[in-house]
Amino acid sequence: ARASAGWALLFIAILYTTAPAVASFARLNMIQTLHNKSYTDAPSWFKNWEKTGLAAWKDKNGDGMIQYAPGAAFKGKVEFAKDETGKVVIGQYGERVVKTELTPIEKSKNELHIDNDIIVLANPEIAKLPAWVVALVAAGGLAAALSTAAGLLLVISSALSHDLIKNIIAPKITEKGELIWARIAAALAVTVAGYFGIHPPGFVAQVVAFAFGLAASSFFPVIIMGIFWKRTTKEGAILGMLTGIIFTAAYIIYFKFVNPDMNKAQFWLWGISPEGIGSIGMLINFIVMYVVSLMTKEPPKAVQDMVASLRYPREIK
């Protein structure tokens, strides 16, 4: 089991360390195929994604060429203009006309909008790989999302119905009642996830960073301390988790929702963005858990023996 876990961690580390390089090459590939090209000569992949609303171009200087430069091409979410019949208006070069206000050319000469979330899916098409490769990438992403979502739904429903309701709030609850609470928890989780899917707080990489930050500031220290320090107490674990996740969530909510205008490096705590603040929340969790555990009564010997058995499993004969 430990060997398999080690191999799993190794492959996960390889995946996450190579992902930035893949993203960089994808962006370079995108720039080379679009920058300083006329719209009429633009590759088919761009026009295909333009139909979805996730790619757009507006000729700022009137030369008919696509220019890509630092900065956002448009102010806010990109929306296409439509006529009285509801059809998208087509411009003089065949492009879809964008009604969203342009960023002044003095601030940015960029004329191109590519949604961050399509880079991975569009990359095989940009590289002119066969259609089956594009389909394979899309299917892989969908399968990963569905499997992760299914696992998380099971965890959420069982945590609420069994761990919270059955073990703490209502120990005498029937199996039918426990099942009802599990379904309620799953329905609430799907509703919340659906809302943030329709109104995401950021693009996919940002949302993943937020999720990892919240997990790191809440669950990770408890798992590590619970296994490798037998002195960890229930009170320490609870207060550590609450402190870490409240700090991290408050930091993210403040800069992303309450005061997004201050979401700049000069206003961040120690220059740490909301996407990376989970590391500080994790350290706070560790410290609070350690201090509170020392101040409270140590766990029973049976619990400590169970923790030791997790660290040093006996061979099954």
Protein backbone atom coordinates (compact mmCIF):
# COMPACT_ATOMS: atom_id res chain seq x y z
CA ALA A 1 0.00 0.00 0.00
CA ARG A 2 2.79 2.41 0.87
CA ALA A 3 4.64 1.62 -2.34
CA SER A 4 1.52 2.21 -4.43
CA ALA A 5 0.88 5.49 -2.60
CA GLY A 6 4.46 6.52 -3.26
CA TRP A 7 4.15 5.81 -6.98
CA ALA A 8 0.85 7.71 -7.07
CA LEU A 9 2.47 10.74 -5.44
CA LEU A 10 5.37 10.54 -7.88
CA PHE A 11 3.11 10.60 -10.93
CA ILE A 12 1.01 13.39 -9.42
CA ALA A 13 4.19 15.40 -8.83
CA ILE A 14 5.28 14.83 -12.44
CA LEU A 15 1.87 15.94 -13.67
CA TYR A 16 1.80 19.15 -11.66
CA THR A 17 5.42 20.08 -12.38
CA THR A 18 5.05 19.60 -16.13
CA ALA A 19 1.65 21.30 -16.43
CA PRO A 20 3.10 24.85 -16.46
CA ALA A 21 5.48 23.87 -19.27
CA VAL A 22 2.62 22.40 -21.30
CA ALA A 23 0.61 25.58 -20.75
CA SER A 24 3.55 27.74 -21.86
CA PHE A 25 4.06 25.73 -25.03
CA ALA A 26 0.33 25.86 -25.74
CA ARG A 27 0.30 29.65 -25.45
CA LEU A 28 3.41 29.93 -27.63
CA ASN A 29 1.78 27.70 -30.23
CA MET A 30 -1.35 29.85 -30.12
CA ILE A 31 0.62 33.08 -30.58
CA GLN A 32 2.61 31.69 -33.51
CA THR A 33 -0.54 30.64 -35.35
CA LEU A 34 -2.48 33.89 -34.82
CA HIS A 35 -0.23 36.89 -34.21
CA ASN A 36 0.13 39.23 -37.20
CA LYS A 37 -2.13 37.05 -39.34
CA SER A 38 -5.11 38.45 -41.21
CA TYR A 39 -8.47 37.26 -39.98
CA THR A 40 -9.27 35.79 -43.38
CA ASP A 41 -6.16 33.60 -43.05
CA ALA A 42 -6.83 32.69 -39.42
CA PRO A 43 -6.71 28.94 -38.73
CA SER A 44 -9.93 26.98 -38.54
CA TRP A 45 -9.50 26.18 -34.86
CA PHE A 46 -9.83 29.86 -33.95
CA LYS A 47 -13.02 30.31 -35.98
CA ASN A 48 -14.45 27.12 -34.47
CA TRP A 49 -13.85 28.37 -30.94
CA GLU A 50 -15.11 31.82 -31.90
CA LYS A 51 -18.52 30.26 -32.50
CA THR A 52 -18.61 29.14 -28.87
CA GLY A 53 -17.96 32.67 -27.59
CA LEU A 54 -14.68 31.62 -25.95
CA ALA A 55 -12.52 33.31 -28.58
CA ALA A 56 -12.98 36.74 -30.15
CA TRP A 57 -11.19 39.39 -32.18
CA LYS A 58 -11.78 43.09 -32.70
CA ASP A 59 -9.72 45.14 -35.14
CA LYS A 60 -8.55 48.12 -33.11
CA ASN A 61 -6.28 49.75 -35.68
CA GLY A 62 -8.27 48.87 -38.81
CA ASP A 63 -5.54 46.90 -40.59
CA GLY A 64 -7.41 43.60 -40.69
CA MET A 65 -4.55 41.85 -38.87
CA ILE A 66 -4.78 39.98 -35.58
CA GLN A 67 -2.44 41.51 -33.02
CA TYR A 68 -1.77 39.79 -29.72
CA ALA A 69 -0.16 41.83 -26.95
CA PRO A 70 -0.10 41.96 -23.14
CA GLY A 71 -3.31 43.04 -21.47
CA ALA A 72 -6.99 42.35 -21.97
CA ALA A 73 -8.54 43.19 -25.33
CA PHE A 74 -11.98 43.86 -23.84
CA LYS A 75 -13.43 45.27 -20.66
CA GLY A 76 -15.40 42.55 -18.94
CA LYS A 77 -17.04 39.44 -20.33
CA VAL A 78 -17.02 39.10 -24.11
CA GLU A 79 -20.47 39.28 -25.71
CA PHE A 80 -21.30 39.25 -29.42
CA ALA A 81 -23.65 41.73 -31.07
CA LYS A 82 -26.92 40.34 -32.45
CA ASP A 83 -29.45 41.66 -34.94
CA GLU A 84 -33.23 41.83 -34.61
CA THR A 85 -33.60 38.15 -35.45
CA GLY A 86 -31.14 37.09 -32.76
CA LYS A 87 -28.35 36.15 -35.16
CA VAL A 88 -24.78 37.19 -34.45
CA VAL A 89 -23.66 40.19 -36.49
CA ILE A 90 -20.80 39.44 -38.89
CA GLY A 91 -18.10 42.05 -39.53
CA GLN A 92 -16.38 43.09 -42.74
CA TYR A 93 -13.70 40.40 -42.45
CA GLY A 94 -16.13 37.64 -41.54
CA GLU A 95 -15.48 37.91 -37.82
CA ARG A 96 -18.19 37.91 -35.20
CA VAL A 97 -18.77 41.47 -34.02
CA VAL A 98 -18.12 41.97 -30.31
CA LYS A 99 -20.30 44.48 -28.49
CA THR A 100 -18.21 44.46 -25.31
CA GLU A 101 -16.29 47.69 -24.81
CA LEU A 102 -12.69 47.59 -25.99
CA THR A 103 -9.73 48.32 -23.78
CA PRO A 104 -8.22 51.63 -25.01
CA ILE A 105 -5.35 51.04 -27.40
CA GLU A 106 -3.18 53.29 -25.24
CA LYS A 107 -3.47 50.76 -22.42
CA SER A 108 -3.23 47.61 -24.52
CA LYS A 109 -2.76 46.95 -28.21
CA ASN A 110 -4.16 43.47 -27.77
CA GLU A 111 -7.03 42.67 -30.14
CA LEU A 112 -7.43 39.01 -29.32
CA HIS A 113 -9.42 37.29 -26.60
CA ILE A 114 -8.80 33.63 -25.84
CA ASP A 115 -10.58 32.21 -22.82
CA ASN A 116 -8.06 30.66 -20.45
CA ASP A 117 -10.19 27.55 -20.01
CA ILE A 118 -9.93 26.44 -23.65
CA ILE A 119 -6.14 26.29 -23.94
CA VAL A 120 -5.88 22.62 -22.99
CA LEU A 121 -8.77 21.52 -25.18
CA ALA A 122 -7.72 23.70 -28.10
CA ASN A 123 -4.04 22.75 -27.94
CA PRO A 124 -4.33 19.51 -29.98
CA GLU A 125 -6.36 21.37 -32.59
CA ILE A 126 -3.83 24.22 -32.67
CA ALA A 127 -1.08 21.66 -33.22
CA LYS A 128 -3.11 20.20 -36.13
CA LEU A 129 -3.39 16.81 -34.50
CA PRO A 130 -6.07 14.38 -35.73
CA ALA A 131 -9.65 14.80 -34.60
CA TRP A 132 -9.50 11.61 -32.54
CA VAL A 133 -6.73 13.14 -30.40
CA VAL A 134 -8.92 16.18 -29.72
CA ALA A 135 -11.79 13.86 -28.82
CA LEU A 136 -9.51 11.82 -26.56
CA VAL A 137 -8.36 14.93 -24.68
CA ALA A 138 -11.95 16.12 -24.27
CA ALA A 139 -13.10 12.68 -23.13
CA GLY A 140 -10.22 12.47 -20.66
CA GLY A 141 -11.07 15.84 -19.16
CA LEU A 142 -14.75 14.94 -18.91
CA ALA A 143 -14.00 11.55 -17.35
CA ALA A 144 -11.67 13.13 -14.80
CA ALA A 145 -14.28 15.73 -13.88
CA LEU A 146 -17.08 13.19 -13.54
CA SER A 147 -15.04 10.73 -11.48
CA THR A 148 -13.84 13.47 -9.15
CA ALA A 149 -17.33 14.92 -8.79
CA ALA A 150 -18.81 11.49 -8.04
CA GLY A 151 -16.21 10.79 -5.37
CA LEU A 152 -16.68 14.18 -3.75
CA LEU A 153 -20.46 13.80 -3.71
CA LEU A 154 -20.13 10.46 -1.93
CA VAL A 155 -17.74 11.96 0.62
CA ILE A 156 -19.95 15.00 1.25
CA SER A 157 -23.15 12.98 1.62
CA SER A 158 -21.59 10.37 3.92
CA ALA A 159 -19.78 13.00 5.99
CA LEU A 160 -23.01 14.86 6.68
CA SER A 161 -25.36 11.92 7.12
CA HIS A 162 -23.10 9.48 8.96
CA ASP A 163 -20.22 11.40 10.56
CA LEU A 164 -22.20 14.48 11.60
CA ILE A 165 -25.86 13.46 11.92
CA LYS A 166 -25.46 9.81 12.96
CA ASN A 167 -22.38 10.07 15.17
CA ILE A 168 -22.89 13.48 16.78
CA ILE A 169 -26.28 15.15 16.37
CA ALA A 170 -28.77 12.26 16.29
CA PRO A 171 -27.18 8.91 17.21
CA LYS A 172 -30.57 7.17 17.21
CA ILE A 173 -31.44 8.15 13.65
CA THR A 174 -32.69 5.31 11.46
CA GLU A 175 -30.98 4.11 8.30
CA LYS A 176 -33.82 5.63 6.29
CA GLY A 177 -33.29 9.00 7.95
CA GLU A 178 -29.56 8.74 7.37
CA LEU A 179 -30.20 8.03 3.69
CA ILE A 180 -32.51 11.05 3.43
CA TRP A 181 -29.85 13.32 4.90
CA ALA A 182 -27.28 11.87 2.49
CA ARG A 183 -29.54 12.73 -0.44
CA ILE A 184 -30.15 16.23 0.91
CA ALA A 185 -26.40 16.79 1.26
CA ALA A 186 -25.78 15.54 -2.28
CA ALA A 187 -28.52 17.80 -3.66
CA LEU A 188 -27.12 20.84 -1.86
CA ALA A 189 -23.60 20.06 -3.08
CA VAL A 190 -24.81 19.72 -6.68
CA THR A 191 -26.73 23.01 -6.39
CA VAL A 192 -23.73 24.92 -5.05
CA ALA A 193 -21.39 23.35 -7.60
CA GLY A 194 -23.84 24.14 -10.40
CA TYR A 195 -24.09 27.77 -9.34
CA PHE A 196 -20.33 28.23 -9.31
CA GLY A 197 -20.12 26.36 -12.60
CA ILE A 198 -22.44 28.91 -14.20
CA HIS A 199 -20.91 31.86 -12.32
CA PRO A 200 -17.28 30.81 -11.74
CA PRO A 201 -15.15 33.00 -9.45
CA GLY A 202 -12.30 32.61 -11.96
CA PHE A 203 -11.05 30.39 -14.72
CA VAL A 204 -10.42 26.69 -14.09
CA ALA A 205 -6.84 27.02 -12.84
CA GLN A 206 -7.88 29.70 -10.34
CA VAL A 207 -10.80 27.67 -9.04
CA VAL A 208 -8.55 24.63 -8.65
CA ALA A 209 -6.03 26.78 -6.78
CA PHE A 210 -8.78 28.01 -4.44
CA ALA A 211 -9.93 24.44 -3.82
CA PHE A 212 -6.40 23.22 -3.12
CA GLY A 213 -5.79 26.19 -0.84
CA LEU A 214 -8.93 25.53 1.18
CA ALA A 215 -8.09 21.82 1.41
CA ALA A 216 -4.50 22.55 2.43
CA SER A 217 -5.59 24.96 5.14
CA SER A 218 -8.16 22.58 6.61
CA PHE A 219 -7.67 18.85 5.99
CA PHE A 220 -3.98 18.43 5.21
CA PRO A 221 -2.56 19.45 8.63
CA VAL A 222 -5.12 17.29 10.45
CA ILE A 223 -4.22 14.24 8.38
CA ILE A 224 -0.48 14.73 8.85
CA MET A 225 -0.62 15.55 12.57
CA GLY A 226 -3.24 12.90 13.23
CA ILE A 227 -1.03 10.17 11.79
CA PHE A 228 2.45 11.30 12.81
CA TRP A 229 1.80 12.90 16.21
CA LYS A 230 -0.10 10.78 18.70
CA ARG A 231 -0.55 13.77 21.02
CA THR A 232 -2.98 15.46 18.62
CA THR A 233 -6.32 16.01 20.33
CA LYS A 234 -9.84 16.42 19.03
CA GLU A 235 -9.99 20.00 20.27
CA GLY A 236 -6.71 20.86 18.58
CA ALA A 237 -7.83 19.33 15.29
CA ILE A 238 -11.17 21.15 15.31
CA LEU A 239 -9.75 24.55 16.21
CA GLY A 240 -6.87 24.15 13.79
CA MET A 241 -9.20 23.31 10.92
CA LEU A 242 -11.58 26.16 11.74
CA THR A 243 -8.79 28.71 12.07
CA GLY A 244 -7.07 27.67 8.85
CA ILE A 245 -10.14 27.48 6.65
CA ILE A 246 -11.74 30.66 8.05
CA PHE A 247 -8.54 32.63 7.44
CA THR A 248 -8.11 31.26 3.92
CA ALA A 249 -11.76 31.61 2.93
CA ALA A 250 -11.98 35.15 4.32
CA TYR A 251 -8.86 36.19 2.41
CA ILE A 252 -10.19 34.74 -0.86
CA ILE A 253 -13.69 36.18 -0.42
CA TYR A 254 -12.38 39.64 0.45
CA PHE A 255 -10.12 40.02 -2.57
CA LYS A 256 -12.31 38.16 -5.07
CA PHE A 257 -15.80 39.32 -4.09
CA VAL A 258 -15.86 42.03 -1.40
CA ASN A 259 -13.13 44.31 -2.73
CA PRO A 260 -11.85 43.02 -6.09
CA ASP A 261 -10.32 46.41 -6.93
CA MET A 262 -7.70 45.75 -4.24
CA ASN A 263 -6.80 42.36 -5.68
CA LYS A 264 -3.30 43.56 -6.53
CA ALA A 265 0.14 42.57 -5.31
CA GLN A 266 0.66 45.77 -3.30
CA PHE A 267 -2.40 45.00 -1.16
CA TRP A 268 -1.81 41.27 -0.64
CA LEU A 269 -0.49 39.90 2.63
CA TRP A 270 3.28 39.46 2.13
CA GLY A 271 2.64 39.62 -1.61
CA ILE A 272 0.70 36.33 -1.59
CA SER A 273 -2.25 36.17 -3.98
CA PRO A 274 -5.63 34.66 -3.00
CA GLU A 275 -4.72 31.61 -5.09
CA GLY A 276 -1.70 30.90 -2.88
CA ILE A 277 -2.91 32.02 0.54
CA GLY A 278 -3.78 28.43 1.45
CA SER A 279 -0.12 27.85 2.32
CA ILE A 280 -0.35 30.45 5.09
CA GLY A 281 -3.67 29.03 6.26
CA MET A 282 -2.02 25.62 6.43
CA LEU A 283 0.79 26.94 8.66
CA ILE A 284 -1.75 28.65 10.92
CA ASN A 285 -3.65 25.37 11.15
CA PHE A 286 -0.49 23.50 12.16
CA ILE A 287 0.42 26.06 14.83
CA VAL A 288 -3.06 26.29 16.35
CA MET A 289 -3.47 22.52 16.37
CA TYR A 290 -0.10 22.02 18.05
CA VAL A 291 -0.67 24.65 20.74
CA VAL A 292 -4.24 23.61 21.53
CA SER A 293 -3.29 19.92 21.63
CA LEU A 294 -0.61 20.67 24.23
CA MET A 295 -3.12 22.65 26.29
CA THR A 296 -5.79 19.92 26.30
CA LYS A 297 -5.93 16.41 27.67
CA GLU A 298 -4.07 13.87 25.57
CA PRO A 299 -6.09 11.26 23.67
CA PRO A 300 -6.86 7.89 25.31
CA LYS A 301 -4.25 5.16 24.95
CA ALA A 302 -6.56 3.18 22.65
CA VAL A 303 -6.63 6.09 20.21
CA GLN A 304 -2.86 6.51 20.38
CA ASP A 305 -2.40 2.79 19.73
CA MET A 306 -4.69 3.06 16.72
CA VAL A 307 -2.60 5.94 15.36
CA ALA A 308 0.55 3.90 15.88
CA SER A 309 -1.00 1.00 13.98
CA LEU A 310 -1.63 3.34 11.06
CA ARG A 311 2.01 4.35 11.01
CA TYR A 312 3.40 0.87 11.53
CA PRO A 313 0.91 -1.63 10.09
CA ARG A 314 1.48 -5.22 11.09
CA GLU A 315 2.01 -7.84 8.46
CA ILE A 316 -1.01 -10.01 7.77
CA LYS A 317 -0.11 -13.67 8.17
